[in-house]
């Protein structure tokens, strides 16, 4: 089982859309995939039209509090969800004392024989993000190709390093930065890309996700890129990225 945190303290980078599409493609490739939402807004559930308040389904608050006597949410073949709702807010500002709670849930997750678990985090630097990082094997950062995002990437990387340093059991590997919502027509794009390449070298994913209306609108229709035409640019780019992701984590 590979646990991967999707991390970005800057909102508006399309992190949840990115997470949902990656999870859907991995499940379609035959990998038993679980998405854990740790954002109090519960946007993963909203996107996928899943009831985040369903009483019989374990949510991320239950996971942190060791309440494992409920079922894991089923979305489609090979794709599952542990949703989030506002109840997790009480864990958002807690300092991690006595060890991260999410690590204690790994045996429970392992018992369900998932191939990959993707953790979607809040768009803030918080205890919930620390929980996710501490439990994970890997983490990656989606970033928009714009000037201020360089600082956002740097802050996210610094936060991850600080978490790894202060929590002895935390040792996730940095997979890299993936450029999301890319518009190559913008004159600043090349400068931004060159700056990140200079700073991060091989930690930049070769695959990039374009800024496309069909991706931006897909949450409204509860669609993923696999619902688009086979020659759709969005679909092809996400599949290309998923192949690179699979290679990097050794699935």
C-alpha atoms as a PDB file:
ATOM      1  CA  UNK A   1       0.000   0.000   0.000  1.00  0.00           C
ATOM      2  CA  UNK A   2       1.363   3.408  -1.044  1.00  0.00           C
ATOM      3  CA  UNK A   3       0.116   6.497   0.825  1.00  0.00           C
ATOM      4  CA  UNK A   4       0.463   9.796  -1.013  1.00  0.00           C
ATOM      5  CA  UNK A   5      -0.394  13.280   0.291  1.00  0.00           C
ATOM      6  CA  UNK A   6      -1.442  16.019  -2.126  1.00  0.00           C
ATOM      7  CA  UNK A   7      -0.172  19.198  -0.508  1.00  0.00           C
ATOM      8  CA  UNK A   8      -0.544  22.894  -1.308  1.00  0.00           C
ATOM      9  CA  UNK A   9      -1.183  25.677   1.178  1.00  0.00           C
ATOM     10  CA  UNK A  10      -2.335  28.007  -1.606  1.00  0.00           C
ATOM     11  CA  UNK A  11      -5.983  27.690  -2.646  1.00  0.00           C
ATOM     12  CA  UNK A  12      -7.193  27.843  -6.214  1.00  0.00           C
ATOM     13  CA  UNK A  13      -4.599  25.494  -7.718  1.00  0.00           C
ATOM     14  CA  UNK A  14      -7.175  22.824  -8.582  1.00  0.00           C
ATOM     15  CA  UNK A  15      -5.877  20.412  -5.938  1.00  0.00           C
ATOM     16  CA  UNK A  16      -9.150  18.549  -5.367  1.00  0.00           C
ATOM     17  CA  UNK A  17      -9.923  18.245  -9.080  1.00  0.00           C
ATOM     18  CA  UNK A  18      -6.388  16.975  -9.551  1.00  0.00           C
ATOM     19  CA  UNK A  19      -6.775  14.435  -6.719  1.00  0.00           C
ATOM     20  CA  UNK A  20     -10.120  13.107  -7.941  1.00  0.00           C
ATOM     21  CA  UNK A  21      -8.948  12.651 -11.522  1.00  0.00           C
ATOM     22  CA  UNK A  22      -5.738  10.919 -10.474  1.00  0.00           C
ATOM     23  CA  UNK A  23      -7.692   8.555  -8.204  1.00  0.00           C
ATOM     24  CA  UNK A  24     -10.211   7.746 -10.929  1.00  0.00           C
ATOM     25  CA  UNK A  25      -7.515   6.966 -13.499  1.00  0.00           C
ATOM     26  CA  UNK A  26      -5.551   4.767 -11.087  1.00  0.00           C
ATOM     27  CA  UNK A  27      -8.697   2.798 -10.258  1.00  0.00           C
ATOM     28  CA  UNK A  28      -9.459   2.453 -13.960  1.00  0.00           C
ATOM     29  CA  UNK A  29      -5.988   0.976 -14.457  1.00  0.00           C
ATOM     30  CA  UNK A  30      -6.877  -1.753 -11.957  1.00  0.00           C
ATOM     31  CA  UNK A  31      -5.308  -0.338  -8.798  1.00  0.00           C
ATOM     32  CA  UNK A  32      -7.518  -0.527  -5.721  1.00  0.00           C
ATOM     33  CA  UNK A  33      -7.581   3.167  -4.809  1.00  0.00           C
ATOM     34  CA  UNK A  34      -8.788   5.071  -1.745  1.00  0.00           C
ATOM     35  CA  UNK A  35      -9.184   8.842  -1.544  1.00  0.00           C
ATOM     36  CA  UNK A  36      -9.107  10.266   1.990  1.00  0.00           C
ATOM     37  CA  UNK A  37     -10.415  13.813   2.296  1.00  0.00           C
ATOM     38  CA  UNK A  38      -9.069  15.786   5.273  1.00  0.00           C
ATOM     39  CA  UNK A  39     -10.451  19.165   4.209  1.00  0.00           C
ATOM     40  CA  UNK A  40     -13.359  20.323   6.447  1.00  0.00           C
ATOM     41  CA  UNK A  41     -15.115  21.624   3.317  1.00  0.00           C
ATOM     42  CA  UNK A  42     -15.415  18.041   2.021  1.00  0.00           C
ATOM     43  CA  UNK A  43     -14.927  19.080  -1.593  1.00  0.00           C
ATOM     44  CA  UNK A  44     -13.962  15.583  -2.773  1.00  0.00           C
ATOM     45  CA  UNK A  45     -17.401  14.328  -1.737  1.00  0.00           C
ATOM     46  CA  UNK A  46     -19.126  17.306  -3.339  1.00  0.00           C
ATOM     47  CA  UNK A  47     -17.255  16.707  -6.594  1.00  0.00           C
ATOM     48  CA  UNK A  48     -18.137  13.004  -6.655  1.00  0.00           C
ATOM     49  CA  UNK A  49     -21.717  13.510  -5.455  1.00  0.00           C
ATOM     50  CA  UNK A  50     -21.085  11.417  -2.339  1.00  0.00           C
ATOM     51  CA  UNK A  51     -22.993  12.108   0.881  1.00  0.00           C
ATOM     52  CA  UNK A  52     -20.317  13.321   3.311  1.00  0.00           C
ATOM     53  CA  UNK A  53     -22.799  13.100   6.223  1.00  0.00           C
ATOM     54  CA  UNK A  54     -23.745   9.443   5.656  1.00  0.00           C
ATOM     55  CA  UNK A  55     -23.869   7.853   9.110  1.00  0.00           C
ATOM     56  CA  UNK A  56     -22.894   4.324   8.063  1.00  0.00           C
ATOM     57  CA  UNK A  57     -19.715   5.450   6.279  1.00  0.00           C
ATOM     58  CA  UNK A  58     -16.430   6.073   8.060  1.00  0.00           C
ATOM     59  CA  UNK A  59     -15.227   9.644   7.652  1.00  0.00           C
ATOM     60  CA  UNK A  60     -11.837  11.226   8.241  1.00  0.00           C
ATOM     61  CA  UNK A  61     -12.806  12.309  11.769  1.00  0.00           C
ATOM     62  CA  UNK A  62     -13.608   8.674  12.592  1.00  0.00           C
ATOM     63  CA  UNK A  63     -10.228   7.705  11.162  1.00  0.00           C
ATOM     64  CA  UNK A  64      -8.404  10.130  13.439  1.00  0.00           C
ATOM     65  CA  UNK A  65     -10.445   8.996  16.458  1.00  0.00           C
ATOM     66  CA  UNK A  66     -10.047   5.250  15.806  1.00  0.00           C
ATOM     67  CA  UNK A  67     -13.728   4.625  15.085  1.00  0.00           C
ATOM     68  CA  UNK A  68     -13.307   1.877  12.518  1.00  0.00           C
ATOM     69  CA  UNK A  69     -16.656   0.090  12.887  1.00  0.00           C
ATOM     70  CA  UNK A  70     -18.228   1.607   9.746  1.00  0.00           C
ATOM     71  CA  UNK A  71     -17.898   0.803   6.062  1.00  0.00           C
ATOM     72  CA  UNK A  72     -15.561   2.591   3.674  1.00  0.00           C
ATOM     73  CA  UNK A  73     -17.427   4.572   1.019  1.00  0.00           C
ATOM     74  CA  UNK A  74     -17.709   2.936  -2.410  1.00  0.00           C
ATOM     75  CA  UNK A  75     -17.577   5.128  -5.521  1.00  0.00           C
ATOM     76  CA  UNK A  76     -16.981   2.766  -8.448  1.00  0.00           C
ATOM     77  CA  UNK A  77     -14.946  -0.298  -9.323  1.00  0.00           C
ATOM     78  CA  UNK A  78     -11.607  -0.099  -7.468  1.00  0.00           C
ATOM     79  CA  UNK A  79     -12.361   3.414  -6.186  1.00  0.00           C
ATOM     80  CA  UNK A  80     -13.284   4.179  -2.577  1.00  0.00           C
ATOM     81  CA  UNK A  81     -13.606   7.253  -0.370  1.00  0.00           C
ATOM     82  CA  UNK A  82     -13.257   8.287   3.234  1.00  0.00           C
ATOM     83  CA  UNK A  83     -15.086  11.643   3.162  1.00  0.00           C
ATOM     84  CA  UNK A  84     -14.628  14.688   5.338  1.00  0.00           C
ATOM     85  CA  UNK A  85     -17.025  17.176   6.864  1.00  0.00           C
ATOM     86  CA  UNK A  86     -16.966  20.047   9.335  1.00  0.00           C
ATOM     87  CA  UNK A  87     -16.568  17.671  12.288  1.00  0.00           C
ATOM     88  CA  UNK A  88     -12.852  17.363  11.476  1.00  0.00           C
ATOM     89  CA  UNK A  89     -12.317  21.064  12.209  1.00  0.00           C
ATOM     90  CA  UNK A  90     -11.684  20.266  15.878  1.00  0.00           C
ATOM     91  CA  UNK A  91      -8.496  18.441  14.823  1.00  0.00           C
ATOM     92  CA  UNK A  92      -7.306  21.247  12.562  1.00  0.00           C
ATOM     93  CA  UNK A  93      -5.521  23.373  15.140  1.00  0.00           C
ATOM     94  CA  UNK A  94      -4.410  20.643  17.526  1.00  0.00           C
ATOM     95  CA  UNK A  95      -0.726  20.200  18.146  1.00  0.00           C
ATOM     96  CA  UNK A  96       0.382  16.644  17.479  1.00  0.00           C
ATOM     97  CA  UNK A  97       1.091  15.241  20.914  1.00  0.00           C
ATOM     98  CA  UNK A  98       1.753  11.567  21.553  1.00  0.00           C
ATOM     99  CA  UNK A  99       2.265  10.838  17.876  1.00  0.00           C
ATOM    100  CA  UNK A 100       0.175  11.444  14.763  1.00  0.00           C
ATOM    101  CA  UNK A 101      -3.297   9.913  14.910  1.00  0.00           C
ATOM    102  CA  UNK A 102      -3.462   9.031  11.231  1.00  0.00           C
ATOM    103  CA  UNK A 103      -0.463   6.722  11.501  1.00  0.00           C
ATOM    104  CA  UNK A 104      -2.498   4.560  13.899  1.00  0.00           C
ATOM    105  CA  UNK A 105      -5.033   4.001  11.114  1.00  0.00           C
ATOM    106  CA  UNK A 106      -2.525   2.414   8.714  1.00  0.00           C
ATOM    107  CA  UNK A 107      -3.164  -1.125   9.943  1.00  0.00           C
ATOM    108  CA  UNK A 108      -6.896  -0.589   9.391  1.00  0.00           C
ATOM    109  CA  UNK A 109      -6.261   0.687   5.855  1.00  0.00           C
ATOM    110  CA  UNK A 110      -3.814  -2.126   5.147  1.00  0.00           C
ATOM    111  CA  UNK A 111      -6.464  -4.675   6.077  1.00  0.00           C
ATOM    112  CA  UNK A 112      -8.525  -3.492   3.085  1.00  0.00           C
ATOM    113  CA  UNK A 113      -5.635  -4.219   0.706  1.00  0.00           C
ATOM    114  CA  UNK A 114      -5.569  -0.882  -1.081  1.00  0.00           C
ATOM    115  CA  UNK A 115      -2.828  -0.445  -3.661  1.00  0.00           C
ATOM    116  CA  UNK A 116      -2.730   3.316  -3.275  1.00  0.00           C
ATOM    117  CA  UNK A 117      -4.225   5.827  -0.829  1.00  0.00           C
ATOM    118  CA  UNK A 118      -4.379   9.491  -1.855  1.00  0.00           C
ATOM    119  CA  UNK A 119      -4.884  12.072   0.897  1.00  0.00           C
ATOM    120  CA  UNK A 120      -6.382  15.418  -0.109  1.00  0.00           C
ATOM    121  CA  UNK A 121      -5.415  18.107   2.418  1.00  0.00           C
ATOM    122  CA  UNK A 122      -6.855  21.529   3.313  1.00  0.00           C
ATOM    123  CA  UNK A 123      -5.536  24.558   1.375  1.00  0.00           C
ATOM    124  CA  UNK A 124      -3.770  25.716   4.552  1.00  0.00           C
ATOM    125  CA  UNK A 125      -0.761  24.737   6.587  1.00  0.00           C
ATOM    126  CA  UNK A 126      -2.333  23.014   9.582  1.00  0.00           C
ATOM    127  CA  UNK A 127      -2.284  20.023  11.908  1.00  0.00           C
ATOM    128  CA  UNK A 128      -4.393  18.064   9.419  1.00  0.00           C
ATOM    129  CA  UNK A 129      -1.726  18.561   6.762  1.00  0.00           C
ATOM    130  CA  UNK A 130       0.887  17.410   9.262  1.00  0.00           C
ATOM    131  CA  UNK A 131      -1.214  14.326  10.038  1.00  0.00           C
ATOM    132  CA  UNK A 132      -1.363  13.444   6.352  1.00  0.00           C
ATOM    133  CA  UNK A 133       2.368  13.966   5.802  1.00  0.00           C
ATOM    134  CA  UNK A 134       3.312  11.957   8.890  1.00  0.00           C
ATOM    135  CA  UNK A 135       1.286   8.949   7.709  1.00  0.00           C
ATOM    136  CA  UNK A 136       2.372   9.111   4.061  1.00  0.00           C
ATOM    137  CA  UNK A 137       5.074   7.410   2.044  1.00  0.00           C
ATOM    138  CA  UNK A 138       5.155  10.204  -0.528  1.00  0.00           C
ATOM    139  CA  UNK A 139       3.896  13.722  -1.120  1.00  0.00           C
ATOM    140  CA  UNK A 140       3.547  15.962  -4.153  1.00  0.00           C
ATOM    141  CA  UNK A 141       2.670  19.598  -4.723  1.00  0.00           C
ATOM    142  CA  UNK A 142       0.391  20.870  -7.516  1.00  0.00           C
ATOM    143  CA  UNK A 143       1.207  24.438  -8.535  1.00  0.00           C
ATOM    144  CA  UNK A 144      -0.197  26.978 -10.945  1.00  0.00           C
ATOM    145  CA  UNK A 145       2.374  28.474 -13.338  1.00  0.00           C
ATOM    146  CA  UNK A 146       2.395  31.973 -11.931  1.00  0.00           C
ATOM    147  CA  UNK A 147       4.921  34.099 -10.063  1.00  0.00           C
ATOM    148  CA  UNK A 148       3.442  33.906  -6.550  1.00  0.00           C
ATOM    149  CA  UNK A 149       3.167  30.120  -6.796  1.00  0.00           C
ATOM    150  CA  UNK A 150       6.969  29.820  -6.570  1.00  0.00           C
ATOM    151  CA  UNK A 151       6.726  31.181  -3.034  1.00  0.00           C
ATOM    152  CA  UNK A 152       3.797  28.841  -2.338  1.00  0.00           C
ATOM    153  CA  UNK A 153       5.803  25.812  -3.460  1.00  0.00           C
ATOM    154  CA  UNK A 154       8.721  26.923  -1.304  1.00  0.00           C
ATOM    155  CA  UNK A 155       6.464  27.337   1.751  1.00  0.00           C
ATOM    156  CA  UNK A 156       4.868  23.921   1.229  1.00  0.00           C
ATOM    157  CA  UNK A 157       8.282  22.258   0.910  1.00  0.00           C
ATOM    158  CA  UNK A 158       9.557  24.032   4.033  1.00  0.00           C
ATOM    159  CA  UNK A 159       6.472  22.944   5.984  1.00  0.00           C
ATOM    160  CA  UNK A 160       6.940  19.334   4.865  1.00  0.00           C
ATOM    161  CA  UNK A 161      10.617  19.387   5.876  1.00  0.00           C
ATOM    162  CA  UNK A 162       9.709  20.871   9.258  1.00  0.00           C
ATOM    163  CA  UNK A 163       7.085  18.152   9.811  1.00  0.00           C
ATOM    164  CA  UNK A 164       9.569  15.428   8.922  1.00  0.00           C
ATOM    165  CA  UNK A 165      12.150  16.949  11.277  1.00  0.00           C
ATOM    166  CA  UNK A 166       9.816  17.356  14.263  1.00  0.00           C
ATOM    167  CA  UNK A 167       7.854  14.089  13.957  1.00  0.00           C
ATOM    168  CA  UNK A 168      10.297  11.211  14.146  1.00  0.00           C
ATOM    169  CA  UNK A 169       7.927   8.671  12.601  1.00  0.00           C
ATOM    170  CA  UNK A 170       7.367  10.895   9.541  1.00  0.00           C
ATOM    171  CA  UNK A 171       9.522  10.117   6.518  1.00  0.00           C
ATOM    172  CA  UNK A 172       7.613  10.798   3.284  1.00  0.00           C
ATOM    173  CA  UNK A 173       9.525  11.102   0.004  1.00  0.00           C
ATOM    174  CA  UNK A 174       9.024  14.258  -2.055  1.00  0.00           C
ATOM    175  CA  UNK A 175       7.751  13.146  -5.467  1.00  0.00           C
ATOM    176  CA  UNK A 176       7.890  16.615  -6.946  1.00  0.00           C
ATOM    177  CA  UNK A 177       5.824  19.505  -8.264  1.00  0.00           C
ATOM    178  CA  UNK A 178       3.247  19.052 -11.001  1.00  0.00           C
ATOM    179  CA  UNK A 179       2.205  22.110 -12.983  1.00  0.00           C
ATOM    180  CA  UNK A 180      -1.574  22.381 -13.038  1.00  0.00           C
ATOM    181  CA  UNK A 181      -3.901  24.816 -14.836  1.00  0.00           C
ATOM    182  CA  UNK A 182      -1.167  25.611 -17.365  1.00  0.00           C
ATOM    183  CA  UNK A 183      -1.744  28.258 -20.040  1.00  0.00           C
ATOM    184  CA  UNK A 184       1.312  28.216 -22.321  1.00  0.00           C
ATOM    185  CA  UNK A 185       0.025  31.313 -24.139  1.00  0.00           C
ATOM    186  CA  UNK A 186       0.899  33.492 -21.152  1.00  0.00           C
ATOM    187  CA  UNK A 187       4.210  35.266 -21.678  1.00  0.00           C
ATOM    188  CA  UNK A 188       5.284  34.551 -18.084  1.00  0.00           C
ATOM    189  CA  UNK A 189       4.823  30.782 -18.362  1.00  0.00           C
ATOM    190  CA  UNK A 190       8.321  30.008 -19.665  1.00  0.00           C
ATOM    191  CA  UNK A 191       9.948  32.233 -17.041  1.00  0.00           C
ATOM    192  CA  UNK A 192       8.014  30.491 -14.284  1.00  0.00           C
ATOM    193  CA  UNK A 193       8.822  27.040 -15.648  1.00  0.00           C
ATOM    194  CA  UNK A 194      12.517  27.900 -15.977  1.00  0.00           C
ATOM    195  CA  UNK A 195      12.595  29.231 -12.411  1.00  0.00           C
ATOM    196  CA  UNK A 196      11.076  26.028 -11.016  1.00  0.00           C
ATOM    197  CA  UNK A 197      13.342  23.858 -13.158  1.00  0.00           C
ATOM    198  CA  UNK A 198      16.337  25.766 -11.794  1.00  0.00           C
ATOM    199  CA  UNK A 199      15.158  25.354  -8.206  1.00  0.00           C
ATOM    200  CA  UNK A 200      13.866  21.781  -8.359  1.00  0.00           C
ATOM    201  CA  UNK A 201      15.538  20.091 -11.333  1.00  0.00           C
ATOM    202  CA  UNK A 202      14.264  16.498 -11.583  1.00  0.00           C
ATOM    203  CA  UNK A 203      11.577  17.159  -8.956  1.00  0.00           C
ATOM    204  CA  UNK A 204       9.372  18.746 -11.621  1.00  0.00           C
ATOM    205  CA  UNK A 205       7.034  16.266 -13.285  1.00  0.00           C
ATOM    206  CA  UNK A 206       7.465  16.150 -17.051  1.00  0.00           C
ATOM    207  CA  UNK A 207       3.687  15.893 -17.449  1.00  0.00           C
ATOM    208  CA  UNK A 208       1.650  19.092 -17.181  1.00  0.00           C
ATOM    209  CA  UNK A 209      -2.105  19.663 -16.868  1.00  0.00           C
ATOM    210  CA  UNK A 210      -3.514  22.440 -19.046  1.00  0.00           C
ATOM    211  CA  UNK A 211      -6.034  25.065 -18.008  1.00  0.00           C
ATOM    212  CA  UNK A 212      -9.098  23.773 -19.808  1.00  0.00           C
ATOM    213  CA  UNK A 213     -12.748  24.699 -19.463  1.00  0.00           C
ATOM    214  CA  UNK A 214     -13.853  21.050 -19.466  1.00  0.00           C
ATOM    215  CA  UNK A 215     -11.671  20.339 -16.413  1.00  0.00           C
ATOM    216  CA  UNK A 216     -12.838  23.483 -14.610  1.00  0.00           C
ATOM    217  CA  UNK A 217     -16.505  22.619 -15.251  1.00  0.00           C
ATOM    218  CA  UNK A 218     -16.266  18.882 -14.514  1.00  0.00           C
ATOM    219  CA  UNK A 219     -16.995  19.100 -10.742  1.00  0.00           C
ATOM    220  CA  UNK A 220     -20.347  20.737 -11.530  1.00  0.00           C
ATOM    221  CA  UNK A 221     -21.343  17.654 -13.533  1.00  0.00           C
ATOM    222  CA  UNK A 222     -19.593  15.145 -11.218  1.00  0.00           C
ATOM    223  CA  UNK A 223     -17.454  14.082 -14.170  1.00  0.00           C
ATOM    224  CA  UNK A 224     -13.806  13.081 -14.356  1.00  0.00           C
ATOM    225  CA  UNK A 225     -11.541  13.251 -17.395  1.00  0.00           C
ATOM    226  CA  UNK A 226     -12.390   9.614 -18.147  1.00  0.00           C
ATOM    227  CA  UNK A 227     -15.878  10.807 -19.032  1.00  0.00           C
ATOM    228  CA  UNK A 228     -14.406  12.941 -21.812  1.00  0.00           C
ATOM    229  CA  UNK A 229     -13.704  11.768 -25.364  1.00  0.00           C
ATOM    230  CA  UNK A 230     -10.724   9.440 -25.766  1.00  0.00           C
ATOM    231  CA  UNK A 231      -8.796  12.040 -27.751  1.00  0.00           C
ATOM    232  CA  UNK A 232      -9.599  14.824 -25.256  1.00  0.00           C
ATOM    233  CA  UNK A 233      -6.513  16.851 -24.327  1.00  0.00           C
ATOM    234  CA  UNK A 234      -7.515  16.805 -20.651  1.00  0.00           C
ATOM    235  CA  UNK A 235      -7.913  13.031 -20.623  1.00  0.00           C
ATOM    236  CA  UNK A 236      -4.622  12.409 -22.433  1.00  0.00           C
ATOM    237  CA  UNK A 237      -2.669  14.768 -20.157  1.00  0.00           C
ATOM    238  CA  UNK A 238      -4.015  13.199 -16.963  1.00  0.00           C
ATOM    239  CA  UNK A 239      -3.289   9.697 -18.251  1.00  0.00           C
ATOM    240  CA  UNK A 240       0.252  10.762 -19.138  1.00  0.00           C
ATOM    241  CA  UNK A 241       0.696  12.204 -15.662  1.00  0.00           C
ATOM    242  CA  UNK A 242      -0.732   9.076 -14.009  1.00  0.00           C
ATOM    243  CA  UNK A 243       1.814   6.936 -15.861  1.00  0.00           C
ATOM    244  CA  UNK A 244       4.652   9.112 -14.579  1.00  0.00           C
ATOM    245  CA  UNK A 245       3.148   9.040 -11.078  1.00  0.00           C
ATOM    246  CA  UNK A 246       2.912   5.227 -11.145  1.00  0.00           C
ATOM    247  CA  UNK A 247       6.555   4.998 -12.173  1.00  0.00           C
ATOM    248  CA  UNK A 248       7.728   7.379  -9.465  1.00  0.00           C
ATOM    249  CA  UNK A 249       6.009   5.524  -6.592  1.00  0.00           C
ATOM    250  CA  UNK A 250       6.772   2.060  -7.999  1.00  0.00           C
ATOM    251  CA  UNK A 251       3.199   0.801  -8.317  1.00  0.00           C
END
